[in-house]
């Protein structure tokens, strides 16, 4: 007997044992009665002739009073092993039956389809679902630990066939057609919750519990980590760091950069001149977004967030005021971040300096030349125009702001501060000033001299030169020579 025959014999024996259960025999009895009723028809003589056959079937099916139960059958590990070993053959038959069923179901009128699906959803019972998920998870975990590539080696070919044979256009059409239905489901859930405010409050109140549980769990974990000896803790972190595949992370970074570049290039190619497609689409989306926004409400919400931020920071400051030791530690580290930035900047400059001279010079020249000085100057022009218009409409606004600022300053405290600060700072920077002042002053004096071409300011500069000379107690042309 070959392997296939032995497999069939095991399967037949299993089916025979399965037929010896009460549940299966009841099904067989019902099927037999229905078949006999169909074969005998509706005539009185045929029904009378069929009664002995029905009696015989009933006698055979219920002849054994010591029948087993389905639960006992499936609790037998040997039976389960046989079923699983024969699953490929069973799956082939089941798959074909499902395929035929779906084809037949597809041919039904839409109302009949809805009725059948409605009966399925109405009678659905998921009581044992959670235990099944847990048990399957344990089974899959055990298999994966023994063979890490067990599932991937078997599922990937199936997925490849699925992808190659599936018409994703139909799937897309399905999601497009059911979008309103999905929205209705979400709306139905929301409406149901809001019809029962108490249940809604209880459901929402779960969130703080989840957050508290996560917080407490995190606190427990961090507490244990803090209680570890420092060398073990450091070794744990280093072990985690060593396990990270930096090469893969680098490849991901490379792929992301390439995706961004391709998106930008493709957007330029399919867009109009000076109008990449991505830019146009983003503008349209932002326009649609802004059309749905109430600007006044947005400003109110923004102000509320600003007030909230102020409240939080003020509360932190008040708490620090009550705990001066915390504030003193913070004040003692004010320069730590700035010093770190200075060291990093210094390191960058040192790296640039260490580059080959010609390459570094060329790179710096390219970087400096790429600055958009035109747009920067135009931005300054725009700011000046806005300031001038503001001065025309409200001439005293800038003066009022400056006056309010100046009047608020304590001039006596300012005088004391400048008295020592100017001396101390002046003494400290005097060597630098003396080294740079001759060049700066010489160039400033050159500003007062007439240029090769009159730019329209020669007369004004001559008047300023005269005023400066008078201020310095000198005369005219000799004042700045």
Protein backbone atom coordinates (compact mmCIF):
# COMPACT_ATOMS: atom_id res chain seq x y z
CA UNK A 1 0.00 0.00 0.00
CA UNK A 2 1.51 3.32 -1.07
CA UNK A 3 1.68 6.49 0.97
CA UNK A 4 -1.37 8.04 -0.67
CA UNK A 5 -3.51 4.96 0.04
CA UNK A 6 -2.38 4.91 3.69
CA UNK A 7 -3.25 8.58 4.01
CA UNK A 8 -6.70 7.97 2.50
CA UNK A 9 -7.26 5.01 4.82
CA UNK A 10 -6.45 7.15 7.88
CA UNK A 11 -8.80 9.85 6.66
CA UNK A 12 -11.63 7.37 6.01
CA UNK A 13 -11.16 5.84 9.43
CA UNK A 14 -11.27 9.29 10.97
CA UNK A 15 -14.49 10.10 9.12
CA UNK A 16 -15.99 6.82 10.32
CA UNK A 17 -15.12 7.71 13.90
CA UNK A 18 -16.55 11.16 13.37
CA UNK A 19 -19.79 9.58 12.09
CA UNK A 20 -20.12 7.76 15.42
CA UNK A 21 -20.92 11.00 17.23
CA UNK A 22 -24.40 12.12 18.17
CA UNK A 23 -24.14 15.44 16.39
CA UNK A 24 -22.96 14.01 13.04
CA UNK A 25 -25.52 11.18 13.11
CA UNK A 26 -28.32 13.68 13.66
CA UNK A 27 -27.08 15.62 10.64
CA UNK A 28 -26.90 12.43 8.56
CA UNK A 29 -30.42 11.49 9.66
CA UNK A 30 -31.77 14.87 8.65
CA UNK A 31 -30.00 14.71 5.28
CA UNK A 32 -31.33 11.18 4.64
CA UNK A 33 -34.92 12.17 5.45
CA UNK A 34 -34.70 15.20 3.20
CA UNK A 35 -33.28 13.10 0.37
CA UNK A 36 -35.97 10.45 0.69
CA UNK A 37 -38.67 13.12 0.74
CA UNK A 38 -37.26 14.58 -2.44
CA UNK A 39 -36.94 11.20 -4.17
CA UNK A 40 -40.41 9.98 -3.16
CA UNK A 41 -42.13 13.14 -4.33
CA UNK A 42 -45.60 14.23 -3.24
CA UNK A 43 -47.74 11.29 -4.40
CA UNK A 44 -49.48 9.27 -1.68
CA UNK A 45 -48.28 5.90 -2.96
CA UNK A 46 -44.67 7.10 -3.28
CA UNK A 47 -44.79 8.50 0.26
CA UNK A 48 -46.15 5.18 1.57
CA UNK A 49 -43.42 3.32 -0.30
CA UNK A 50 -40.78 5.62 1.12
CA UNK A 51 -41.73 5.12 4.75
CA UNK A 52 -39.92 1.79 5.13
CA UNK A 53 -36.80 3.38 3.67
CA UNK A 54 -37.01 6.24 6.13
CA UNK A 55 -37.60 3.83 8.99
CA UNK A 56 -34.54 1.81 7.91
CA UNK A 57 -32.32 4.88 7.76
CA UNK A 58 -33.52 6.03 11.15
CA UNK A 59 -32.85 2.58 12.59
CA UNK A 60 -29.33 2.47 11.17
CA UNK A 61 -28.42 5.96 12.28
CA UNK A 62 -29.71 5.56 15.82
CA UNK A 63 -28.88 1.88 16.31
CA UNK A 64 -25.97 2.58 18.66
CA UNK A 65 -27.00 4.18 21.93
CA UNK A 66 -23.39 4.59 23.08
CA UNK A 67 -22.45 7.28 20.61
CA UNK A 68 -19.65 9.70 21.31
CA UNK A 69 -19.72 13.49 21.31
CA UNK A 70 -17.92 15.96 19.04
CA UNK A 71 -16.14 17.52 22.01
CA UNK A 72 -14.52 14.20 22.92
CA UNK A 73 -13.59 13.57 19.30
CA UNK A 74 -11.72 16.87 18.98
CA UNK A 75 -10.06 16.51 22.36
CA UNK A 76 -8.26 13.42 21.04
CA UNK A 77 -4.80 14.62 19.92
CA UNK A 78 -4.42 11.71 17.47
CA UNK A 79 -7.57 12.76 15.66
CA UNK A 80 -6.35 16.36 15.46
CA UNK A 81 -2.97 15.23 14.15
CA UNK A 82 -4.67 13.20 11.43
CA UNK A 83 -6.91 16.10 10.46
CA UNK A 84 -3.99 18.54 10.27
CA UNK A 85 -1.89 16.09 8.23
CA UNK A 86 -4.77 15.80 5.76
CA UNK A 87 -5.49 19.53 5.69
CA UNK A 88 -3.89 20.07 2.24
CA UNK A 89 -6.30 17.57 0.66
CA UNK A 90 -9.22 18.85 2.71
CA UNK A 91 -8.26 22.45 1.97
CA UNK A 92 -8.23 21.73 -1.75
CA UNK A 93 -11.78 20.42 -1.60
CA UNK A 94 -12.92 23.20 0.72
CA UNK A 95 -11.26 25.84 -1.43
CA UNK A 96 -13.05 24.52 -4.51
CA UNK A 97 -16.35 24.43 -2.63
CA UNK A 98 -15.84 27.99 -1.38
CA UNK A 99 -14.95 29.08 -4.92
CA UNK A 100 -18.12 27.53 -6.32
CA UNK A 101 -20.15 28.95 -3.44
CA UNK A 102 -18.83 32.46 -4.02
CA UNK A 103 -19.56 32.20 -7.75
CA UNK A 104 -23.11 31.07 -7.01
CA UNK A 105 -23.47 33.75 -4.34
CA UNK A 106 -22.30 36.35 -6.84
CA UNK A 107 -25.15 35.40 -9.19
CA UNK A 108 -27.83 35.98 -6.57
CA UNK A 109 -29.93 39.16 -6.65
CA UNK A 110 -28.56 41.90 -4.45
CA UNK A 111 -31.51 41.72 -2.05
CA UNK A 112 -30.90 38.00 -1.48
CA UNK A 113 -27.20 38.66 -0.90
CA UNK A 114 -28.10 41.24 1.72
CA UNK A 115 -30.52 38.83 3.43
CA UNK A 116 -27.92 36.07 3.66
CA UNK A 117 -25.20 38.39 4.96
CA UNK A 118 -27.67 39.86 7.40
CA UNK A 119 -28.38 36.40 8.83
CA UNK A 120 -24.65 35.78 9.22
CA UNK A 121 -24.05 39.03 11.11
CA UNK A 122 -27.17 38.58 13.22
CA UNK A 123 -26.22 35.08 14.38
CA UNK A 124 -22.51 35.73 14.76
CA UNK A 125 -21.12 34.53 18.07
CA UNK A 126 -17.61 35.59 19.06
CA UNK A 127 -17.65 34.32 22.63
CA UNK A 128 -14.63 32.05 22.21
CA UNK A 129 -12.76 34.37 19.85
CA UNK A 130 -10.40 35.81 22.43
CA UNK A 131 -9.34 32.39 23.73
CA UNK A 132 -8.73 31.19 20.16
CA UNK A 133 -6.52 34.21 19.45
CA UNK A 134 -4.52 33.58 22.63
CA UNK A 135 -4.07 29.88 21.90
CA UNK A 136 -3.08 30.47 18.29
CA UNK A 137 -0.60 33.10 19.46
CA UNK A 138 1.04 30.54 21.78
CA UNK A 139 1.15 27.94 19.00
CA UNK A 140 2.68 30.36 16.50
CA UNK A 141 5.20 31.59 19.07
CA UNK A 142 6.38 28.04 19.80
CA UNK A 143 6.77 27.29 16.09
CA UNK A 144 8.62 30.56 15.43
CA UNK A 145 11.06 29.92 18.25
CA UNK A 146 11.87 26.53 16.80
CA UNK A 147 12.00 27.75 13.17
CA UNK A 148 12.17 31.57 12.84
CA UNK A 149 11.50 31.45 9.08
CA UNK A 150 8.74 28.84 9.16
CA UNK A 151 5.86 31.17 8.35
CA UNK A 152 7.70 33.49 5.98
CA UNK A 153 9.03 30.61 3.87
CA UNK A 154 5.49 29.36 3.39
CA UNK A 155 3.47 32.55 3.31
CA UNK A 156 5.66 34.54 0.92
CA UNK A 157 4.97 32.23 -2.06
CA UNK A 158 1.26 32.34 -1.23
CA UNK A 159 1.34 36.14 -1.03
CA UNK A 160 3.28 36.34 -4.28
CA UNK A 161 0.62 34.25 -6.03
CA UNK A 162 -2.11 36.32 -4.38
CA UNK A 163 -0.57 39.59 -5.56
CA UNK A 164 0.04 38.31 -9.08
CA UNK A 165 -3.46 36.87 -9.44
CA UNK A 166 -5.48 39.56 -7.65
CA UNK A 167 -7.10 42.45 -9.48
CA UNK A 168 -6.42 45.33 -7.11
CA UNK A 169 -8.61 47.52 -9.28
CA UNK A 170 -11.62 45.57 -8.02
CA UNK A 171 -10.42 45.93 -4.44
CA UNK A 172 -10.00 49.66 -4.95
CA UNK A 173 -13.50 49.84 -6.41
CA UNK A 174 -14.76 47.96 -3.36
CA UNK A 175 -13.27 50.47 -0.94
CA UNK A 176 -14.52 53.38 -3.03
CA UNK A 177 -18.02 51.89 -3.15
CA UNK A 178 -18.09 51.17 0.62
CA UNK A 179 -16.66 54.49 1.80
CA UNK A 180 -20.11 55.85 2.63
CA UNK A 181 -20.97 52.59 4.39
CA UNK A 182 -17.82 52.83 6.51
CA UNK A 183 -18.63 56.43 7.40
CA UNK A 184 -22.16 55.30 8.33
CA UNK A 185 -20.69 52.63 10.64
CA UNK A 186 -18.53 55.21 12.40
CA UNK A 187 -21.48 57.60 12.61
CA UNK A 188 -23.68 54.81 13.97
CA UNK A 189 -21.18 54.02 16.70
CA UNK A 190 -20.85 57.69 17.59
CA UNK A 191 -24.61 58.21 17.60
CA UNK A 192 -25.09 55.13 19.77
CA UNK A 193 -22.54 56.33 22.30
CA UNK A 194 -24.00 59.81 22.45
CA UNK A 195 -27.47 58.40 22.95
CA UNK A 196 -26.17 56.93 26.21
CA UNK A 197 -24.12 59.74 27.85
CA UNK A 198 -23.39 57.57 30.87
CA UNK A 199 -21.81 54.87 28.69
CA UNK A 200 -19.92 57.54 26.76
CA UNK A 201 -18.50 58.95 29.99
CA UNK A 202 -17.49 55.48 31.13
CA UNK A 203 -15.87 54.76 27.75
CA UNK A 204 -13.98 58.05 27.81
CA UNK A 205 -13.02 57.48 31.44
CA UNK A 206 -11.14 54.38 30.29
CA UNK A 207 -8.48 56.59 28.69
CA UNK A 208 -7.14 58.03 31.98
CA UNK A 209 -7.02 54.48 33.32
CA UNK A 210 -4.99 53.34 30.32
CA UNK A 211 -2.68 56.34 30.67
CA UNK A 212 -2.31 55.70 34.40
CA UNK A 213 -1.57 52.02 33.79
CA UNK A 214 1.06 52.85 31.19
CA UNK A 215 2.53 55.51 33.49
CA UNK A 216 2.67 53.15 36.46
CA UNK A 217 4.16 50.37 34.35
CA UNK A 218 6.75 52.79 32.98
CA UNK A 219 7.50 53.96 36.51
CA UNK A 220 8.00 50.35 37.68
CA UNK A 221 10.32 49.57 34.78
CA UNK A 222 12.33 52.77 35.20
CA UNK A 223 12.52 52.21 38.95
CA UNK A 224 14.04 48.76 38.40
CA UNK A 225 16.45 50.23 35.86
CA UNK A 226 17.47 52.93 38.33
CA UNK A 227 18.09 50.30 40.99
CA UNK A 228 20.51 48.42 38.75
CA UNK A 229 24.21 48.95 39.41
CA UNK A 230 25.54 51.62 37.08
CA UNK A 231 27.94 49.23 35.31
CA UNK A 232 25.15 46.70 34.60
CA UNK A 233 22.81 49.46 33.44
CA UNK A 234 25.47 50.87 31.12
CA UNK A 235 26.22 47.38 29.83
CA UNK A 236 22.49 46.88 29.14
CA UNK A 237 22.32 50.09 27.13
CA UNK A 238 25.47 49.22 25.23
CA UNK A 239 24.09 45.77 24.44
CA UNK A 240 20.92 47.34 23.07
CA UNK A 241 23.01 49.77 21.04
CA UNK A 242 25.13 46.96 19.63
CA UNK A 243 22.00 45.07 18.55
CA UNK A 244 20.82 47.99 16.40
CA UNK A 245 21.64 47.40 12.74
CA UNK A 246 23.14 50.77 11.86
CA UNK A 247 23.66 49.67 8.26
CA UNK A 248 19.94 49.08 7.80
CA UNK A 249 19.14 52.42 9.44
CA UNK A 250 21.56 54.08 7.03
CA UNK A 251 19.91 52.35 4.07
CA UNK A 252 16.51 53.53 5.25
CA UNK A 253 17.84 57.08 5.45
CA UNK A 254 19.24 56.71 1.93
CA UNK A 255 15.96 55.33 0.60
CA UNK A 256 13.98 58.16 2.21
CA UNK A 257 16.27 60.73 0.62
CA UNK A 258 15.89 59.03 -2.75
CA UNK A 259 12.09 58.96 -2.39
CA UNK A 260 12.06 62.68 -1.61
CA UNK A 261 14.32 63.45 -4.55
CA UNK A 262 12.26 61.36 -6.93
CA UNK A 263 9.04 62.95 -5.71
CA UNK A 264 10.49 66.42 -6.28
CA UNK A 265 11.88 65.51 -9.71
CA UNK A 266 8.67 63.82 -10.81
CA UNK A 267 6.61 66.75 -9.54
CA UNK A 268 8.71 69.10 -11.68
CA UNK A 269 8.43 66.89 -14.77
CA UNK A 270 4.65 66.50 -14.70
CA UNK A 271 3.95 70.08 -13.65
CA UNK A 272 3.89 73.31 -15.60
CA UNK A 273 6.81 75.70 -16.07
CA UNK A 274 7.80 77.20 -12.70
CA UNK A 275 4.89 75.33 -11.11
CA UNK A 276 5.74 71.79 -9.95
CA UNK A 277 2.73 69.53 -9.65
CA UNK A 278 3.32 68.94 -5.95
CA UNK A 279 3.30 72.69 -5.30
CA UNK A 280 0.06 73.15 -7.22
CA UNK A 281 -1.63 70.26 -5.40
CA UNK A 282 -0.47 71.47 -2.00
CA UNK A 283 -1.78 74.95 -2.78
CA UNK A 284 -5.16 73.53 -3.83
CA UNK A 285 -5.39 71.39 -0.70
CA UNK A 286 -4.47 74.32 1.54
CA UNK A 287 -7.09 76.44 -0.22
CA UNK A 288 -9.74 73.77 0.35
CA UNK A 289 -8.59 73.49 3.97
CA UNK A 290 -8.78 77.24 4.56
CA UNK A 291 -12.24 77.42 2.97
CA UNK A 292 -13.56 75.23 5.79
CA UNK A 293 -11.89 77.20 8.59
CA UNK A 294 -13.42 79.98 10.63
CA UNK A 295 -10.47 82.42 11.00
CA UNK A 296 -11.96 84.15 14.03
CA UNK A 297 -12.43 80.82 15.81
CA UNK A 298 -8.90 79.79 14.83
CA UNK A 299 -7.47 82.94 16.38
CA UNK A 300 -9.48 82.35 19.55
CA UNK A 301 -8.19 78.78 19.75
CA UNK A 302 -4.63 80.00 19.15
CA UNK A 303 -4.99 82.58 21.91
CA UNK A 304 -6.36 79.88 24.20
CA UNK A 305 -3.29 77.73 23.51
CA UNK A 306 -1.02 80.71 24.15
CA UNK A 307 -2.80 81.40 27.44
CA UNK A 308 -2.55 77.72 28.33
CA UNK A 309 1.17 77.68 27.58
CA UNK A 310 1.61 80.81 29.69
CA UNK A 311 -0.34 79.20 32.52
CA UNK A 312 1.78 76.05 32.46
CA UNK A 313 5.08 77.95 32.35
CA UNK A 314 3.91 80.34 35.07
CA UNK A 315 2.96 77.37 37.23
CA UNK A 316 6.41 75.88 36.70
CA UNK A 317 8.04 79.19 37.65
CA UNK A 318 5.85 79.49 40.75
CA UNK A 319 6.77 75.95 41.76
CA UNK A 320 10.46 76.73 41.24
CA UNK A 321 10.11 79.85 43.34
CA UNK A 322 8.95 77.67 46.21
CA UNK A 323 11.93 75.37 45.64
CA UNK A 324 14.97 77.64 45.26
CA UNK A 325 17.37 74.68 45.27
CA UNK A 326 15.95 73.54 41.92
CA UNK A 327 16.11 77.04 40.49
CA UNK A 328 19.68 77.52 41.68
CA UNK A 329 20.77 74.30 39.97
CA UNK A 330 19.09 75.44 36.75
CA UNK A 331 20.71 78.88 36.94
CA UNK A 332 24.08 77.26 37.45
CA UNK A 333 23.71 75.44 34.13
CA UNK A 334 22.54 78.39 32.01
CA UNK A 335 25.67 78.35 29.89
CA UNK A 336 25.86 74.56 29.44
CA UNK A 337 23.79 74.42 26.26
CA UNK A 338 25.42 77.51 24.77
CA UNK A 339 28.90 76.16 25.54
CA UNK A 340 28.00 72.90 23.82
CA UNK A 341 26.85 74.79 20.72
CA UNK A 342 30.07 76.82 20.73
CA UNK A 343 32.18 73.66 20.95
CA UNK A 344 30.23 72.07 18.10
CA UNK A 345 30.63 75.20 15.98
CA UNK A 346 34.34 75.24 16.74
CA UNK A 347 34.59 71.59 15.74
CA UNK A 348 32.84 72.29 12.42
CA UNK A 349 35.23 75.13 11.67
CA UNK A 350 38.21 72.91 12.53
CA UNK A 351 36.94 70.21 10.15
CA UNK A 352 36.51 72.78 7.38
CA UNK A 353 40.01 74.10 8.07
CA UNK A 354 41.44 70.57 7.82
CA UNK A 355 40.03 70.06 4.32
CA UNK A 356 42.29 70.51 1.29
CA UNK A 357 42.64 74.24 0.76
CA UNK A 358 41.38 74.41 -2.83
CA UNK A 359 38.39 72.13 -2.20
CA UNK A 360 37.35 73.94 0.99
CA UNK A 361 37.68 77.34 -0.69
CA UNK A 362 35.64 76.19 -3.66
CA UNK A 363 32.94 74.74 -1.40
CA UNK A 364 32.74 77.89 0.74
CA UNK A 365 32.64 80.08 -2.36
CA UNK A 366 29.80 77.98 -3.78
CA UNK A 367 27.93 78.16 -0.50
CA UNK A 368 28.30 81.92 -0.17
CA UNK A 369 27.43 82.58 -3.80
CA UNK A 370 24.24 80.55 -3.42
CA UNK A 371 22.83 83.06 -0.94
CA UNK A 372 19.85 84.82 -2.47
CA UNK A 373 20.93 88.39 -1.76
CA UNK A 374 18.30 89.79 -4.14
CA UNK A 375 15.37 88.29 -2.23
CA UNK A 376 16.90 89.29 1.10
CA UNK A 377 17.28 92.90 -0.05
CA UNK A 378 13.76 92.87 -1.48
CA UNK A 379 12.46 91.63 1.87
CA UNK A 380 14.18 94.61 3.54
CA UNK A 381 12.53 96.91 1.00
CA UNK A 382 9.14 95.40 1.76
CA UNK A 383 9.63 95.85 5.51
CA UNK A 384 10.60 99.47 4.99
CA UNK A 385 7.51 100.13 2.86
CA UNK A 386 5.30 98.52 5.50
CA UNK A 387 6.90 100.61 8.25
CA UNK A 388 6.45 103.79 6.21
CA UNK A 389 2.79 103.01 5.56
CA UNK A 390 2.27 102.25 9.22
CA UNK A 391 3.88 105.59 10.10
CA UNK A 392 1.55 107.42 7.71
CA UNK A 393 -1.54 105.74 9.14
CA UNK A 394 -0.44 105.83 12.77
CA UNK A 395 2.54 108.20 13.10
CA UNK A 396 3.01 107.86 16.84
CA UNK A 397 3.00 104.09 17.23
CA UNK A 398 6.78 103.47 17.11
CA UNK A 399 7.52 106.57 19.14
CA UNK A 400 4.92 105.50 21.70
CA UNK A 401 6.40 102.02 22.04
CA UNK A 402 9.93 103.37 22.47
CA UNK A 403 8.76 106.06 24.89
CA UNK A 404 6.92 103.51 26.99
CA UNK A 405 10.01 101.33 27.06
CA UNK A 406 12.34 104.21 27.97
CA UNK A 407 10.06 105.62 30.64
CA UNK A 408 9.84 102.21 32.28
CA UNK A 409 13.61 101.88 32.61
CA UNK A 410 15.07 102.80 35.99
CA UNK A 411 17.70 105.31 34.87
CA UNK A 412 19.53 105.25 38.19
CA UNK A 413 19.96 101.48 38.02
CA UNK A 414 20.98 101.83 34.37
CA UNK A 415 23.53 104.48 35.31
CA UNK A 416 25.07 102.25 37.99
CA UNK A 417 25.19 99.29 35.57
CA UNK A 418 26.83 101.28 32.78
CA UNK A 419 29.31 102.84 35.23
CA UNK A 420 30.99 99.54 35.98
CA UNK A 421 30.02 97.54 32.89
CA UNK A 422 31.47 100.00 30.37
CA UNK A 423 34.71 100.17 32.31
CA UNK A 424 35.04 96.44 32.75
CA UNK A 425 34.01 95.57 29.20
CA UNK A 426 36.05 98.44 27.78
CA UNK A 427 39.15 97.25 29.60
CA UNK A 428 38.58 93.70 28.35
CA UNK A 429 38.01 94.57 24.67
CA UNK A 430 40.50 97.47 24.48
CA UNK A 431 43.22 95.37 22.79
CA UNK A 432 40.80 94.20 20.12
CA UNK A 433 39.40 97.70 19.63
CA UNK A 434 42.84 99.28 19.30
CA UNK A 435 43.76 96.67 16.71
CA UNK A 436 40.58 97.17 14.66
CA UNK A 437 39.70 100.83 15.30
CA UNK A 438 42.24 102.35 12.85
CA UNK A 439 40.76 100.40 9.95
CA UNK A 440 37.18 101.03 10.98
CA UNK A 441 37.67 104.77 11.61
CA UNK A 442 39.64 105.22 8.37
CA UNK A 443 36.86 103.57 6.41
CA UNK A 444 34.20 105.60 8.20
CA UNK A 445 36.03 108.81 7.32
CA UNK A 446 36.09 107.64 3.70
CA UNK A 447 32.30 107.50 3.77
CA UNK A 448 32.23 111.30 4.02
CA UNK A 449 34.34 111.86 0.91
CA UNK A 450 32.74 112.48 -2.44
CA UNK A 451 32.57 109.48 -4.71
CA UNK A 452 33.52 109.18 -8.34
CA UNK A 453 29.87 109.53 -9.27
CA UNK A 454 27.29 111.56 -7.40
CA UNK A 455 24.81 109.09 -5.91
CA UNK A 456 22.61 111.90 -4.70
CA UNK A 457 24.00 112.02 -1.18
CA UNK A 458 27.11 114.21 -1.62
CA UNK A 459 25.39 117.32 -0.30
CA UNK A 460 23.92 115.50 2.69
CA UNK A 461 27.27 113.89 3.52
CA UNK A 462 29.02 117.28 3.27
CA UNK A 463 26.50 118.74 5.73
CA UNK A 464 27.01 115.79 8.08
CA UNK A 465 30.78 116.25 7.80
CA UNK A 466 30.44 119.91 8.74
CA UNK A 467 28.17 119.12 11.69
CA UNK A 468 30.55 116.47 12.95
CA UNK A 469 33.48 118.84 12.66
CA UNK A 470 31.62 121.52 14.55
CA UNK A 471 30.76 118.98 17.23
CA UNK A 472 34.40 117.98 17.57
CA UNK A 473 35.44 121.64 17.84
CA UNK A 474 37.25 121.66 14.50
CA UNK A 475 36.60 123.51 11.27
CA UNK A 476 35.34 122.42 7.90
CA UNK A 477 37.76 120.51 5.72
CA UNK A 478 40.32 119.94 8.47
CA UNK A 479 37.84 118.30 10.78
CA UNK A 480 38.13 114.79 9.35
CA UNK A 481 41.53 114.89 7.68
